[in-house]
């Protein structure tokens, strides 16, 4: 995979396969079992849901998805060190999931797209404003802080309005509810 375009295509194919598998799992027996577990463990056990089995499958599935993502990241970066994974990165990943929606399969994608494109948008706005003006200079000097402030505002709006985040807008189109 010499070029970035080929790597992007591989990542898009892996993402598509992962979303198809998730959609199938959430629409079938595993999704119903996980929904019952989320609502009430005692109630799920009463109706015959094997708690250990479905919790273990959830752990295995999330670990597999994480391993595939980590492998793609390691290939892109070329090396993996513990210092690559900071507290800031962990917080941004959690914010991505919450902004996109914690109960939709496609929500984290929307959250990731929002948080990745926001700094690009801020850079574009800062380049359009005259750099000699006070606002232009302030934008250039404070892009990162402004991005974090917007992340926080988006997170607050999502947490106040709906736990499904941006994913609720696409729920009828292609987002499967998780649990």
N, C-alpha and C. Protein backbone atom coordinates (compact mmCIF):
# COMPACT_ATOMS: atom_id res chain seq x y z
N UNK A 1 0.85 -1.18 0.00
CA UNK A 1 0.00 0.00 0.00
C UNK A 1 0.89 1.23 0.00
N UNK A 2 1.43 1.52 -1.14
CA UNK A 2 2.38 2.60 -1.23
C UNK A 2 1.77 3.99 -1.15
N UNK A 3 0.63 4.19 -1.77
CA UNK A 3 0.08 5.54 -1.81
C UNK A 3 -1.00 5.75 -0.76
N UNK A 4 -1.19 6.99 -0.33
CA UNK A 4 -2.24 7.28 0.65
C UNK A 4 -3.64 6.95 0.12
N UNK A 5 -3.83 7.08 -1.19
CA UNK A 5 -5.14 6.78 -1.78
C UNK A 5 -5.50 5.30 -1.61
N UNK A 6 -4.53 4.42 -1.83
CA UNK A 6 -4.79 2.98 -1.67
C UNK A 6 -5.07 2.67 -0.20
N UNK A 7 -4.32 3.29 0.70
CA UNK A 7 -4.54 3.07 2.13
C UNK A 7 -5.94 3.56 2.53
N UNK A 8 -6.36 4.69 1.97
CA UNK A 8 -7.71 5.19 2.24
C UNK A 8 -8.76 4.21 1.76
N UNK A 9 -8.57 3.65 0.58
CA UNK A 9 -9.53 2.68 0.04
C UNK A 9 -9.59 1.44 0.92
N UNK A 10 -8.43 0.96 1.37
CA UNK A 10 -8.41 -0.20 2.27
C UNK A 10 -9.16 0.13 3.56
N UNK A 11 -8.92 1.30 4.13
CA UNK A 11 -9.61 1.71 5.36
C UNK A 11 -11.11 1.82 5.13
N UNK A 12 -11.53 2.36 3.99
CA UNK A 12 -12.95 2.49 3.68
C UNK A 12 -13.60 1.12 3.53
N UNK A 13 -12.92 0.18 2.90
CA UNK A 13 -13.46 -1.17 2.75
C UNK A 13 -13.58 -1.86 4.11
N UNK A 14 -12.55 -1.73 4.93
CA UNK A 14 -12.59 -2.32 6.28
C UNK A 14 -13.72 -1.70 7.09
N UNK A 15 -13.89 -0.39 6.97
CA UNK A 15 -14.98 0.29 7.67
C UNK A 15 -16.34 -0.21 7.19
N UNK A 16 -16.50 -0.34 5.88
CA UNK A 16 -17.76 -0.84 5.34
C UNK A 16 -18.08 -2.24 5.81
N UNK A 17 -17.09 -3.10 5.81
CA UNK A 17 -17.29 -4.48 6.28
C UNK A 17 -17.66 -4.48 7.76
N UNK A 18 -16.97 -3.66 8.54
CA UNK A 18 -17.25 -3.58 9.97
C UNK A 18 -18.66 -3.08 10.23
N UNK A 19 -19.09 -2.05 9.50
CA UNK A 19 -20.45 -1.53 9.68
C UNK A 19 -21.50 -2.56 9.27
N UNK A 20 -21.25 -3.31 8.22
CA UNK A 20 -22.20 -4.36 7.81
C UNK A 20 -22.31 -5.45 8.87
N UNK A 21 -21.18 -5.85 9.42
CA UNK A 21 -21.19 -6.87 10.48
C UNK A 21 -21.92 -6.34 11.71
N UNK A 22 -21.63 -5.09 12.09
CA UNK A 22 -22.32 -4.49 13.24
C UNK A 22 -23.82 -4.40 13.01
N UNK A 23 -24.22 -3.97 11.83
CA UNK A 23 -25.64 -3.85 11.53
C UNK A 23 -26.33 -5.21 11.63
N UNK A 24 -25.69 -6.23 11.07
CA UNK A 24 -26.26 -7.57 11.15
C UNK A 24 -26.36 -8.08 12.58
N UNK A 25 -25.32 -7.81 13.36
CA UNK A 25 -25.35 -8.27 14.76
C UNK A 25 -26.41 -7.53 15.56
N UNK A 26 -26.52 -6.23 15.35
CA UNK A 26 -27.48 -5.44 16.13
C UNK A 26 -28.92 -5.70 15.72
N UNK A 27 -29.13 -6.10 14.49
CA UNK A 27 -30.49 -6.39 14.03
C UNK A 27 -30.93 -7.80 14.41
N UNK A 28 -30.02 -8.63 14.82
CA UNK A 28 -30.34 -10.02 15.12
C UNK A 28 -30.37 -10.32 16.61
N UNK A 29 -30.15 -11.59 16.91
CA UNK A 29 -30.18 -12.08 18.29
C UNK A 29 -29.19 -11.35 19.21
N UNK A 30 -27.94 -11.12 18.77
CA UNK A 30 -27.03 -10.40 19.68
C UNK A 30 -27.54 -9.02 20.06
N UNK A 31 -28.10 -8.30 19.11
CA UNK A 31 -28.61 -6.96 19.40
C UNK A 31 -29.74 -6.99 20.40
N UNK A 32 -30.63 -7.97 20.27
CA UNK A 32 -31.73 -8.09 21.22
C UNK A 32 -31.22 -8.47 22.61
N UNK A 33 -30.23 -9.34 22.65
CA UNK A 33 -29.66 -9.74 23.94
C UNK A 33 -28.96 -8.56 24.61
N UNK A 34 -28.19 -7.80 23.83
CA UNK A 34 -27.49 -6.64 24.39
C UNK A 34 -28.47 -5.56 24.83
N UNK A 35 -29.55 -5.41 24.10
CA UNK A 35 -30.58 -4.43 24.50
C UNK A 35 -31.21 -4.84 25.82
N UNK A 36 -31.51 -6.13 25.96
CA UNK A 36 -32.09 -6.62 27.22
C UNK A 36 -31.11 -6.42 28.38
N UNK A 37 -29.83 -6.69 28.13
CA UNK A 37 -28.81 -6.50 29.17
C UNK A 37 -28.69 -5.03 29.57
N UNK A 38 -28.75 -4.14 28.59
CA UNK A 38 -28.63 -2.72 28.88
C UNK A 38 -29.79 -2.22 29.71
N UNK A 39 -30.99 -2.72 29.42
CA UNK A 39 -32.17 -2.24 30.12
C UNK A 39 -32.25 -2.79 31.55
N UNK A 40 -31.98 -4.08 31.71
CA UNK A 40 -32.03 -4.67 33.04
C UNK A 40 -31.36 -6.04 33.01
N UNK A 41 -30.26 -6.16 33.74
CA UNK A 41 -29.57 -7.44 33.78
C UNK A 41 -30.44 -8.51 34.44
N UNK A 42 -31.12 -8.13 35.51
CA UNK A 42 -31.98 -9.10 36.19
C UNK A 42 -33.13 -9.54 35.29
N UNK A 43 -33.71 -8.58 34.57
CA UNK A 43 -34.79 -8.91 33.65
C UNK A 43 -34.30 -9.79 32.52
N UNK A 44 -33.12 -9.49 31.99
CA UNK A 44 -32.55 -10.30 30.91
C UNK A 44 -32.29 -11.72 31.38
N UNK A 45 -31.75 -11.86 32.59
CA UNK A 45 -31.50 -13.20 33.12
C UNK A 45 -32.81 -13.95 33.32
N UNK A 46 -33.86 -13.24 33.71
CA UNK A 46 -35.17 -13.87 33.94
C UNK A 46 -35.74 -14.44 32.65
N UNK A 47 -35.53 -13.74 31.53
CA UNK A 47 -36.09 -14.25 30.27
C UNK A 47 -35.14 -15.21 29.55
N UNK A 48 -34.04 -15.56 30.20
CA UNK A 48 -33.16 -16.60 29.66
C UNK A 48 -31.94 -16.12 28.90
N UNK A 49 -31.60 -14.85 28.99
CA UNK A 49 -30.40 -14.34 28.33
C UNK A 49 -29.18 -14.73 29.17
N UNK A 50 -28.24 -15.39 28.54
CA UNK A 50 -27.01 -15.79 29.23
C UNK A 50 -26.12 -14.55 29.37
N UNK A 51 -26.08 -13.98 30.59
CA UNK A 51 -25.38 -12.73 30.83
C UNK A 51 -23.89 -12.81 30.50
N UNK A 52 -23.23 -13.85 30.98
CA UNK A 52 -21.79 -13.98 30.78
C UNK A 52 -21.48 -14.12 29.29
N UNK A 53 -22.26 -14.93 28.60
CA UNK A 53 -22.02 -15.17 27.18
C UNK A 53 -22.10 -13.88 26.38
N UNK A 54 -23.17 -13.10 26.56
CA UNK A 54 -23.36 -11.91 25.74
C UNK A 54 -22.45 -10.77 26.15
N UNK A 55 -22.08 -10.68 27.42
CA UNK A 55 -21.08 -9.69 27.83
C UNK A 55 -19.72 -10.04 27.25
N UNK A 56 -19.41 -11.33 27.25
CA UNK A 56 -18.14 -11.78 26.69
C UNK A 56 -18.09 -11.51 25.18
N UNK A 57 -19.19 -11.77 24.47
CA UNK A 57 -19.23 -11.49 23.03
C UNK A 57 -19.11 -10.00 22.74
N UNK A 58 -19.70 -9.17 23.57
CA UNK A 58 -19.56 -7.72 23.40
C UNK A 58 -18.10 -7.30 23.59
N UNK A 59 -17.44 -7.87 24.60
CA UNK A 59 -16.04 -7.58 24.85
C UNK A 59 -15.17 -8.06 23.70
N UNK A 60 -15.41 -9.27 23.23
CA UNK A 60 -14.62 -9.83 22.12
C UNK A 60 -14.81 -9.00 20.86
N UNK A 61 -16.06 -8.64 20.56
CA UNK A 61 -16.33 -7.85 19.36
C UNK A 61 -15.68 -6.48 19.40
N UNK A 62 -15.81 -5.81 20.54
CA UNK A 62 -15.19 -4.48 20.64
C UNK A 62 -13.67 -4.58 20.60
N UNK A 63 -13.12 -5.63 21.18
CA UNK A 63 -11.67 -5.82 21.14
C UNK A 63 -11.19 -6.09 19.72
N UNK A 64 -11.96 -6.86 18.95
CA UNK A 64 -11.58 -7.15 17.57
C UNK A 64 -11.60 -5.88 16.73
N UNK A 65 -12.64 -5.07 16.90
CA UNK A 65 -12.73 -3.81 16.15
C UNK A 65 -11.56 -2.89 16.54
N UNK A 66 -11.27 -2.83 17.82
CA UNK A 66 -10.15 -2.01 18.28
C UNK A 66 -8.82 -2.51 17.72
N UNK A 67 -8.65 -3.82 17.67
CA UNK A 67 -7.41 -4.40 17.14
C UNK A 67 -7.23 -4.08 15.66
N UNK A 68 -8.30 -4.17 14.89
CA UNK A 68 -8.22 -3.85 13.46
C UNK A 68 -7.88 -2.37 13.28
N UNK A 69 -8.56 -1.50 14.03
CA UNK A 69 -8.28 -0.06 13.94
C UNK A 69 -6.85 0.25 14.36
N UNK A 70 -6.40 -0.37 15.44
CA UNK A 70 -5.02 -0.16 15.90
C UNK A 70 -4.00 -0.65 14.90
N UNK A 71 -4.29 -1.76 14.24
CA UNK A 71 -3.38 -2.28 13.22
C UNK A 71 -3.27 -1.32 12.04
N UNK A 72 -4.40 -0.79 11.60
CA UNK A 72 -4.38 0.17 10.50
C UNK A 72 -3.62 1.44 10.92
N UNK A 73 -3.85 1.89 12.15
CA UNK A 73 -3.14 3.07 12.64
C UNK A 73 -1.63 2.81 12.71
N UNK A 74 -1.24 1.64 13.21
CA UNK A 74 0.19 1.31 13.31
C UNK A 74 0.83 1.23 11.93
N UNK A 75 0.09 0.71 10.96
CA UNK A 75 0.63 0.65 9.60
C UNK A 75 0.83 2.06 9.05
N UNK A 76 -0.13 2.94 9.30
CA UNK A 76 -0.03 4.30 8.78
C UNK A 76 1.12 5.06 9.42
N UNK A 77 1.26 4.94 10.74
CA UNK A 77 2.29 5.67 11.46
C UNK A 77 3.67 5.06 11.24
N UNK A 78 3.74 3.75 11.13
CA UNK A 78 5.01 3.08 10.89
C UNK A 78 5.64 2.51 12.15
N UNK A 79 5.23 2.97 13.30
CA UNK A 79 5.72 2.43 14.57
C UNK A 79 4.69 2.74 15.64
N UNK A 80 4.73 1.97 16.69
CA UNK A 80 3.77 2.17 17.78
C UNK A 80 4.56 2.34 19.07
N UNK A 81 4.28 3.43 19.75
CA UNK A 81 4.90 3.70 21.04
C UNK A 81 3.81 4.08 22.03
N UNK A 82 4.05 3.86 23.28
CA UNK A 82 3.05 4.22 24.28
C UNK A 82 2.80 5.71 24.31
N UNK A 83 3.79 6.51 23.95
CA UNK A 83 3.62 7.96 23.98
C UNK A 83 2.67 8.47 22.89
N UNK A 84 2.35 7.62 21.91
CA UNK A 84 1.40 8.02 20.86
C UNK A 84 -0.01 8.14 21.40
N UNK A 85 -0.29 7.48 22.51
CA UNK A 85 -1.64 7.43 23.07
C UNK A 85 -1.67 8.23 24.36
N UNK A 86 -2.04 9.51 24.24
CA UNK A 86 -2.07 10.39 25.40
C UNK A 86 -3.48 10.47 25.97
N UNK A 87 -3.60 11.14 27.10
CA UNK A 87 -4.91 11.37 27.71
C UNK A 87 -5.76 12.24 26.79
N UNK A 88 -5.13 13.21 26.12
CA UNK A 88 -5.87 14.07 25.19
C UNK A 88 -6.50 13.25 24.07
N UNK A 89 -5.75 12.30 23.52
CA UNK A 89 -6.29 11.45 22.46
C UNK A 89 -7.47 10.63 22.98
N UNK A 90 -7.35 10.09 24.18
CA UNK A 90 -8.45 9.33 24.77
C UNK A 90 -9.70 10.16 24.96
N UNK A 91 -9.51 11.40 25.42
CA UNK A 91 -10.67 12.30 25.60
C UNK A 91 -11.31 12.66 24.27
N UNK A 92 -10.49 12.91 23.26
CA UNK A 92 -11.04 13.23 21.94
C UNK A 92 -11.82 12.05 21.38
N UNK A 93 -11.33 10.84 21.58
CA UNK A 93 -12.05 9.66 21.10
C UNK A 93 -13.39 9.50 21.82
N UNK A 94 -13.41 9.75 23.11
CA UNK A 94 -14.67 9.66 23.86
C UNK A 94 -15.64 10.75 23.40
N UNK A 95 -15.12 11.95 23.17
CA UNK A 95 -15.97 13.05 22.70
C UNK A 95 -16.53 12.72 21.31
N UNK A 96 -15.73 12.09 20.46
CA UNK A 96 -16.21 11.68 19.14
C UNK A 96 -17.42 10.77 19.26
N UNK A 97 -17.32 9.80 20.15
CA UNK A 97 -18.42 8.84 20.31
C UNK A 97 -19.66 9.54 20.85
N UNK A 98 -19.50 10.40 21.84
CA UNK A 98 -20.66 11.07 22.42
C UNK A 98 -21.30 12.06 21.45
N UNK A 99 -20.50 12.81 20.72
CA UNK A 99 -21.07 13.77 19.78
C UNK A 99 -21.81 13.05 18.66
N UNK A 100 -21.25 11.97 18.18
CA UNK A 100 -21.91 11.22 17.12
C UNK A 100 -23.13 10.47 17.61
N UNK A 101 -23.07 9.97 18.81
CA UNK A 101 -24.20 9.24 19.37
C UNK A 101 -23.75 7.90 19.91
N UNK A 102 -24.05 7.65 21.18
CA UNK A 102 -23.58 6.43 21.81
C UNK A 102 -24.48 5.23 21.52
N UNK A 103 -25.64 5.47 20.96
CA UNK A 103 -26.55 4.36 20.69
C UNK A 103 -26.79 4.13 19.21
N UNK A 104 -25.90 4.59 18.38
CA UNK A 104 -26.03 4.34 16.96
C UNK A 104 -24.72 3.75 16.44
N UNK A 105 -24.83 2.92 15.41
CA UNK A 105 -23.62 2.32 14.85
C UNK A 105 -22.83 3.33 14.02
N UNK A 106 -23.54 4.26 13.37
CA UNK A 106 -22.88 5.22 12.51
C UNK A 106 -22.52 6.51 13.25
N UNK A 107 -23.04 6.69 14.46
CA UNK A 107 -22.80 7.91 15.22
C UNK A 107 -21.33 8.23 15.46
N UNK A 108 -20.53 7.26 15.90
CA UNK A 108 -19.12 7.57 16.09
C UNK A 108 -18.42 8.04 14.81
N UNK A 109 -18.88 7.57 13.65
CA UNK A 109 -18.32 8.07 12.39
C UNK A 109 -18.65 9.54 12.20
N UNK A 110 -19.88 9.90 12.50
CA UNK A 110 -20.27 11.31 12.38
C UNK A 110 -19.50 12.17 13.37
N UNK A 111 -19.33 11.67 14.59
CA UNK A 111 -18.54 12.42 15.58
C UNK A 111 -17.09 12.56 15.16
N UNK A 112 -16.52 11.50 14.61
CA UNK A 112 -15.13 11.56 14.15
C UNK A 112 -14.99 12.55 13.00
N UNK A 113 -15.93 12.49 12.07
CA UNK A 113 -15.90 13.43 10.95
C UNK A 113 -16.00 14.86 11.42
N UNK A 114 -16.87 15.10 12.39
CA UNK A 114 -17.03 16.44 12.93
C UNK A 114 -15.75 16.93 13.59
N UNK A 115 -15.15 16.10 14.42
CA UNK A 115 -13.95 16.54 15.15
C UNK A 115 -12.71 16.60 14.28
N UNK A 116 -12.68 15.83 13.20
CA UNK A 116 -11.53 15.90 12.29
C UNK A 116 -11.65 17.10 11.36
N UNK A 117 -12.87 17.38 10.91
CA UNK A 117 -13.05 18.48 9.96
C UNK A 117 -13.12 19.85 10.62
N UNK A 118 -13.43 19.90 11.90
CA UNK A 118 -13.53 21.19 12.58
C UNK A 118 -12.23 21.99 12.55
N UNK A 119 -11.07 21.41 12.88
CA UNK A 119 -9.83 22.19 12.79
C UNK A 119 -9.53 22.65 11.35
N UNK A 120 -9.87 21.81 10.36
CA UNK A 120 -9.66 22.20 8.97
C UNK A 120 -10.53 23.41 8.63
N UNK A 121 -11.78 23.37 9.09
CA UNK A 121 -12.69 24.50 8.86
C UNK A 121 -12.19 25.76 9.54
N UNK A 122 -11.69 25.61 10.78
CA UNK A 122 -11.15 26.78 11.49
C UNK A 122 -9.92 27.35 10.78
N UNK A 123 -9.06 26.50 10.24
CA UNK A 123 -7.90 26.97 9.49
C UNK A 123 -8.33 27.72 8.24
N UNK A 124 -9.37 27.19 7.58
CA UNK A 124 -9.88 27.85 6.38
C UNK A 124 -10.45 29.23 6.73
N UNK A 125 -11.22 29.31 7.80
CA UNK A 125 -11.79 30.59 8.22
C UNK A 125 -10.67 31.56 8.59
N UNK A 126 -9.66 31.06 9.31
CA UNK A 126 -8.54 31.93 9.71
C UNK A 126 -7.77 32.43 8.50
N UNK A 127 -7.66 31.62 7.45
CA UNK A 127 -6.94 32.06 6.25
C UNK A 127 -7.77 33.06 5.42
N UNK A 128 -9.09 32.99 5.54
CA UNK A 128 -9.95 33.91 4.79
C UNK A 128 -10.01 35.29 5.44
N UNK A 129 -9.89 35.34 6.76
CA UNK A 129 -9.91 36.61 7.47
C UNK A 129 -8.55 37.27 7.28
N UNK A 130 -8.54 38.57 7.12
CA UNK A 130 -7.27 39.27 6.92
C UNK A 130 -6.37 39.09 8.14
N UNK A 131 -5.16 38.61 7.92
CA UNK A 131 -4.27 38.33 9.07
C UNK A 131 -3.86 39.58 9.83
N UNK A 132 -3.96 40.74 9.22
CA UNK A 132 -3.56 41.97 9.90
C UNK A 132 -4.63 42.45 10.88
N UNK A 133 -5.87 41.99 10.71
CA UNK A 133 -6.93 42.43 11.60
C UNK A 133 -6.80 41.74 12.95
N UNK A 134 -7.43 42.32 13.95
CA UNK A 134 -7.37 41.75 15.30
C UNK A 134 -7.97 40.36 15.36
N UNK A 135 -9.10 40.17 14.70
CA UNK A 135 -9.76 38.86 14.71
C UNK A 135 -8.92 37.83 13.98
N UNK A 136 -8.34 38.22 12.83
CA UNK A 136 -7.50 37.30 12.07
C UNK A 136 -6.30 36.84 12.87
N UNK A 137 -5.65 37.76 13.55
CA UNK A 137 -4.49 37.41 14.37
C UNK A 137 -4.90 36.51 15.53
N UNK A 138 -6.06 36.84 16.15
CA UNK A 138 -6.54 36.03 17.27
C UNK A 138 -6.87 34.61 16.81
N UNK A 139 -7.51 34.47 15.64
CA UNK A 139 -7.85 33.14 15.12
C UNK A 139 -6.59 32.32 14.84
N UNK A 140 -5.61 32.95 14.24
CA UNK A 140 -4.37 32.23 13.93
C UNK A 140 -3.69 31.76 15.21
N UNK A 141 -3.68 32.61 16.24
CA UNK A 141 -3.00 32.26 17.49
C UNK A 141 -3.78 31.29 18.36
N UNK A 142 -5.09 31.21 18.21
CA UNK A 142 -5.93 30.43 19.13
C UNK A 142 -6.79 29.37 18.45
N UNK A 143 -6.36 28.85 17.32
CA UNK A 143 -7.17 27.85 16.61
C UNK A 143 -7.42 26.61 17.47
N UNK A 144 -6.39 26.11 18.12
CA UNK A 144 -6.54 24.89 18.91
C UNK A 144 -7.48 25.11 20.10
N UNK A 145 -7.32 26.22 20.79
CA UNK A 145 -8.19 26.50 21.93
C UNK A 145 -9.63 26.69 21.50
N UNK A 146 -9.82 27.35 20.36
CA UNK A 146 -11.17 27.54 19.84
C UNK A 146 -11.80 26.21 19.45
N UNK A 147 -11.00 25.32 18.87
CA UNK A 147 -11.50 23.99 18.51
C UNK A 147 -11.94 23.24 19.76
N UNK A 148 -11.14 23.27 20.82
CA UNK A 148 -11.52 22.60 22.07
C UNK A 148 -12.78 23.22 22.68
N UNK A 149 -12.93 24.54 22.59
CA UNK A 149 -14.14 25.19 23.09
C UNK A 149 -15.36 24.74 22.30
N UNK A 150 -15.21 24.63 20.99
CA UNK A 150 -16.34 24.17 20.16
C UNK A 150 -16.64 22.71 20.45
N UNK A 151 -15.61 21.87 20.66
CA UNK A 151 -15.83 20.46 21.05
C UNK A 151 -16.68 20.41 22.32
N UNK A 152 -16.28 21.20 23.30
CA UNK A 152 -17.01 21.22 24.57
C UNK A 152 -18.44 21.68 24.41
N UNK A 153 -18.65 22.71 23.62
CA UNK A 153 -20.00 23.21 23.36
C UNK A 153 -20.85 22.16 22.66
N UNK A 154 -20.28 21.51 21.64
CA UNK A 154 -21.01 20.44 20.96
C UNK A 154 -21.37 19.30 21.91
N UNK A 155 -20.41 18.93 22.76
CA UNK A 155 -20.66 17.86 23.72
C UNK A 155 -21.78 18.24 24.68
N UNK A 156 -21.75 19.47 25.18
CA UNK A 156 -22.83 19.92 26.07
C UNK A 156 -24.17 19.91 25.38
N UNK A 157 -24.23 20.40 24.15
CA UNK A 157 -25.49 20.41 23.41
C UNK A 157 -26.02 19.00 23.19
N UNK A 158 -25.13 18.07 22.86
CA UNK A 158 -25.56 16.69 22.64
C UNK A 158 -26.05 16.06 23.93
N UNK A 159 -25.31 16.26 25.01
CA UNK A 159 -25.70 15.65 26.29
C UNK A 159 -27.00 16.24 26.82
N UNK A 160 -27.25 17.51 26.56
CA UNK A 160 -28.49 18.13 27.01
C UNK A 160 -29.66 17.69 26.14
N UNK A 161 -29.45 17.64 24.82
CA UNK A 161 -30.57 17.39 23.91
C UNK A 161 -30.89 15.91 23.74
N UNK A 162 -29.91 15.07 23.48
CA UNK A 162 -30.20 13.67 23.18
C UNK A 162 -28.93 12.84 23.33
N UNK A 163 -29.08 11.67 23.94
CA UNK A 163 -27.93 10.77 24.09
C UNK A 163 -27.54 10.14 22.76
N UNK A 164 -28.40 10.26 21.76
CA UNK A 164 -28.11 9.65 20.46
C UNK A 164 -27.24 10.55 19.59
N UNK A 165 -26.95 11.77 20.02
CA UNK A 165 -26.04 12.65 19.31
C UNK A 165 -26.50 12.95 17.89
N UNK A 166 -25.54 13.18 17.00
CA UNK A 166 -25.86 13.46 15.61
C UNK A 166 -26.46 12.26 14.91
N UNK A 167 -26.18 11.07 15.43
CA UNK A 167 -26.70 9.85 14.82
C UNK A 167 -28.21 9.80 14.78
N UNK A 168 -28.90 10.53 15.66
CA UNK A 168 -30.36 10.53 15.68
C UNK A 168 -30.92 11.10 14.38
N UNK A 169 -30.19 12.01 13.72
CA UNK A 169 -30.66 12.59 12.47
C UNK A 169 -30.69 11.57 11.36
N UNK A 170 -29.81 10.57 11.44
CA UNK A 170 -29.70 9.57 10.39
C UNK A 170 -30.33 8.24 10.80
N UNK A 171 -31.03 8.21 11.90
CA UNK A 171 -31.56 6.96 12.43
C UNK A 171 -32.44 6.24 11.42
N UNK A 172 -33.24 6.96 10.68
CA UNK A 172 -34.11 6.33 9.70
C UNK A 172 -33.38 5.88 8.46
N UNK A 173 -32.21 6.47 8.18
CA UNK A 173 -31.50 6.16 6.94
C UNK A 173 -30.69 4.87 7.05
N UNK A 174 -29.67 4.87 7.90
CA UNK A 174 -28.80 3.70 7.95
C UNK A 174 -28.21 3.45 9.32
N UNK A 175 -28.62 4.15 10.34
CA UNK A 175 -28.05 3.97 11.67
C UNK A 175 -28.87 2.92 12.43
N UNK A 176 -28.19 1.92 12.93
CA UNK A 176 -28.84 0.90 13.75
C UNK A 176 -28.69 1.29 15.20
N UNK A 177 -29.77 1.18 15.95
CA UNK A 177 -29.68 1.52 17.36
C UNK A 177 -28.94 0.43 18.09
N UNK A 178 -28.01 0.82 18.92
CA UNK A 178 -27.23 -0.12 19.71
C UNK A 178 -27.91 -0.25 21.06
N UNK A 179 -28.37 -1.41 21.35
CA UNK A 179 -28.99 -1.69 22.66
C UNK A 179 -30.11 -0.85 22.92
